Amino acid sequence: RYYAFSFGTCALMMIAAPLVLLIWGIHRRLAISPEYMYNFLIGHIDRMLMMFLIGGGILIVFQIIFAVVSGRMRKQVARMSSRARAS
């Protein structure tokens, strides 16, 4: 359960800021004089932001997996302990 919480919070941190930067396009307002240098830096920043978004998406998948597995294990342990008490 705690792994699910930690993966979820990491995913939110990895997705929120890059998504805002990509939507608002703040990094595209940089004033870099040679056009080729501007294109290089903006392309690099865009790729890095996309990598953060993809990494955050992967962490969300891990969060869901750990939450499901944790819930099933908790139910299984509860069933086993109730059977032991009944005996």
C-alpha atoms as a PDB file:
ATOM      1  CA  ARG A   1       0.000   0.000   0.000  1.00  0.00           C
ATOM      2  CA  TYR A   2       2.803   2.407   0.803  1.00  0.00           C
ATOM      3  CA  TYR A   3       4.486   1.706  -2.534  1.00  0.00           C
ATOM      4  CA  ALA A   4       1.265   2.730  -4.255  1.00  0.00           C
ATOM      5  CA  PHE A   5       1.212   5.984  -2.296  1.00  0.00           C
ATOM      6  CA  SER A   6       4.850   6.764  -3.057  1.00  0.00           C
ATOM      7  CA  PHE A   7       4.520   5.956  -6.768  1.00  0.00           C
ATOM      8  CA  GLY A   8       1.385   8.096  -6.950  1.00  0.00           C
ATOM      9  CA  THR A   9       2.975  11.129  -5.340  1.00  0.00           C
ATOM     10  CA  CYS A  10       6.093  10.811  -7.490  1.00  0.00           C
ATOM     11  CA  ALA A  11       3.926  10.570 -10.589  1.00  0.00           C
ATOM     12  CA  LEU A  12       2.004  13.696  -9.630  1.00  0.00           C
ATOM     13  CA  MET A  13       5.234  15.611  -9.097  1.00  0.00           C
ATOM     14  CA  MET A  14       6.651  14.363 -12.395  1.00  0.00           C
ATOM     15  CA  ILE A  15       3.518  15.196 -14.373  1.00  0.00           C
ATOM     16  CA  ALA A  16       2.204  18.478 -12.931  1.00  0.00           C
ATOM     17  CA  ALA A  17       5.044  20.914 -13.648  1.00  0.00           C
ATOM     18  CA  PRO A  18       6.051  19.584 -17.091  1.00  0.00           C
ATOM     19  CA  LEU A  19       2.427  19.526 -18.202  1.00  0.00           C
ATOM     20  CA  VAL A  20       1.949  23.151 -17.169  1.00  0.00           C
ATOM     21  CA  LEU A  21       5.150  24.148 -18.966  1.00  0.00           C
ATOM     22  CA  LEU A  22       4.109  22.334 -22.128  1.00  0.00           C
ATOM     23  CA  ILE A  23       0.594  23.771 -22.117  1.00  0.00           C
ATOM     24  CA  TRP A  24       1.606  27.357 -21.372  1.00  0.00           C
ATOM     25  CA  GLY A  25       4.742  27.217 -23.525  1.00  0.00           C
ATOM     26  CA  ILE A  26       6.760  29.457 -21.213  1.00  0.00           C
ATOM     27  CA  HIS A  27      10.028  27.959 -22.408  1.00  0.00           C
ATOM     28  CA  ARG A  28       9.250  28.999 -25.996  1.00  0.00           C
ATOM     29  CA  ARG A  29       9.539  32.670 -25.044  1.00  0.00           C
ATOM     30  CA  LEU A  30      13.284  32.445 -24.503  1.00  0.00           C
ATOM     31  CA  ALA A  31      15.202  35.003 -26.517  1.00  0.00           C
ATOM     32  CA  ILE A  32      18.127  33.080 -27.992  1.00  0.00           C
ATOM     33  CA  SER A  33      19.771  34.837 -30.914  1.00  0.00           C
ATOM     34  CA  PRO A  34      20.941  32.183 -33.393  1.00  0.00           C
ATOM     35  CA  GLU A  35      17.901  30.394 -34.773  1.00  0.00           C
ATOM     36  CA  TYR A  36      19.625  27.003 -34.805  1.00  0.00           C
ATOM     37  CA  MET A  37      20.548  27.347 -31.110  1.00  0.00           C
ATOM     38  CA  TYR A  38      16.981  28.329 -30.252  1.00  0.00           C
ATOM     39  CA  ASN A  39      15.593  25.327 -32.138  1.00  0.00           C
ATOM     40  CA  PHE A  40      18.123  23.021 -30.478  1.00  0.00           C
ATOM     41  CA  LEU A  41      17.367  24.212 -26.935  1.00  0.00           C
ATOM     42  CA  ILE A  42      13.589  24.303 -27.362  1.00  0.00           C
ATOM     43  CA  GLY A  43      13.637  20.841 -28.924  1.00  0.00           C
ATOM     44  CA  HIS A  44      15.772  19.548 -26.070  1.00  0.00           C
ATOM     45  CA  ILE A  45      13.480  21.102 -23.448  1.00  0.00           C
ATOM     46  CA  ASP A  46      10.391  19.683 -25.183  1.00  0.00           C
ATOM     47  CA  ARG A  47      11.906  16.183 -25.257  1.00  0.00           C
ATOM     48  CA  MET A  48      12.905  16.390 -21.595  1.00  0.00           C
ATOM     49  CA  LEU A  49       9.408  17.503 -20.594  1.00  0.00           C
ATOM     50  CA  MET A  50       7.888  14.666 -22.604  1.00  0.00           C
ATOM     51  CA  MET A  51      10.239  12.198 -20.914  1.00  0.00           C
ATOM     52  CA  PHE A  52       9.027  13.422 -17.524  1.00  0.00           C
ATOM     53  CA  LEU A  53       5.415  12.992 -18.639  1.00  0.00           C
ATOM     54  CA  ILE A  54       6.086   9.475 -19.905  1.00  0.00           C
ATOM     55  CA  GLY A  55       7.924   8.590 -16.692  1.00  0.00           C
ATOM     56  CA  GLY A  56       5.021   9.935 -14.647  1.00  0.00           C
ATOM     57  CA  GLY A  57       2.598   7.865 -16.702  1.00  0.00           C
ATOM     58  CA  ILE A  58       4.661   4.744 -16.063  1.00  0.00           C
ATOM     59  CA  LEU A  59       4.651   5.509 -12.337  1.00  0.00           C
ATOM     60  CA  ILE A  60       0.861   5.847 -12.415  1.00  0.00           C
ATOM     61  CA  VAL A  61       0.649   2.374 -13.966  1.00  0.00           C
ATOM     62  CA  PHE A  62       2.895   1.032 -11.181  1.00  0.00           C
ATOM     63  CA  GLN A  63       0.728   2.795  -8.609  1.00  0.00           C
ATOM     64  CA  ILE A  64      -2.393   1.106  -9.946  1.00  0.00           C
ATOM     65  CA  ILE A  65      -0.686  -2.292 -10.000  1.00  0.00           C
ATOM     66  CA  PHE A  66       0.566  -1.953  -6.423  1.00  0.00           C
ATOM     67  CA  ALA A  67      -2.809  -0.684  -5.202  1.00  0.00           C
ATOM     68  CA  VAL A  68      -4.644  -3.651  -6.739  1.00  0.00           C
ATOM     69  CA  VAL A  69      -2.115  -6.193  -5.477  1.00  0.00           C
ATOM     70  CA  SER A  70      -2.088  -4.618  -2.018  1.00  0.00           C
ATOM     71  CA  GLY A  71      -5.885  -4.654  -1.800  1.00  0.00           C
ATOM     72  CA  ARG A  72      -6.084  -8.292  -2.832  1.00  0.00           C
ATOM     73  CA  MET A  73      -3.358  -9.305  -0.389  1.00  0.00           C
ATOM     74  CA  ARG A  74      -5.066  -7.415   2.425  1.00  0.00           C
ATOM     75  CA  LYS A  75      -8.366  -9.214   1.726  1.00  0.00           C
ATOM     76  CA  GLN A  76      -6.582 -12.562   1.578  1.00  0.00           C
ATOM     77  CA  VAL A  77      -4.856 -11.954   4.920  1.00  0.00           C
ATOM     78  CA  ALA A  78      -8.159 -10.867   6.474  1.00  0.00           C
ATOM     79  CA  ARG A  79      -9.837 -14.063   5.243  1.00  0.00           C
ATOM     80  CA  MET A  80      -7.005 -16.224   6.570  1.00  0.00           C
ATOM     81  CA  SER A  81      -7.074 -14.549   9.967  1.00  0.00           C
ATOM     82  CA  SER A  82     -10.860 -14.896  10.238  1.00  0.00           C
ATOM     83  CA  ARG A  83     -10.569 -18.605   9.415  1.00  0.00           C
ATOM     84  CA  ALA A  84      -7.898 -19.024  12.068  1.00  0.00           C
ATOM     85  CA  ARG A  85     -10.092 -17.345  14.680  1.00  0.00           C
ATOM     86  CA  ALA A  86     -13.062 -19.566  13.742  1.00  0.00           C
ATOM     87  CA  SER A  87     -11.008 -22.714  14.324  1.00  0.00           C
END
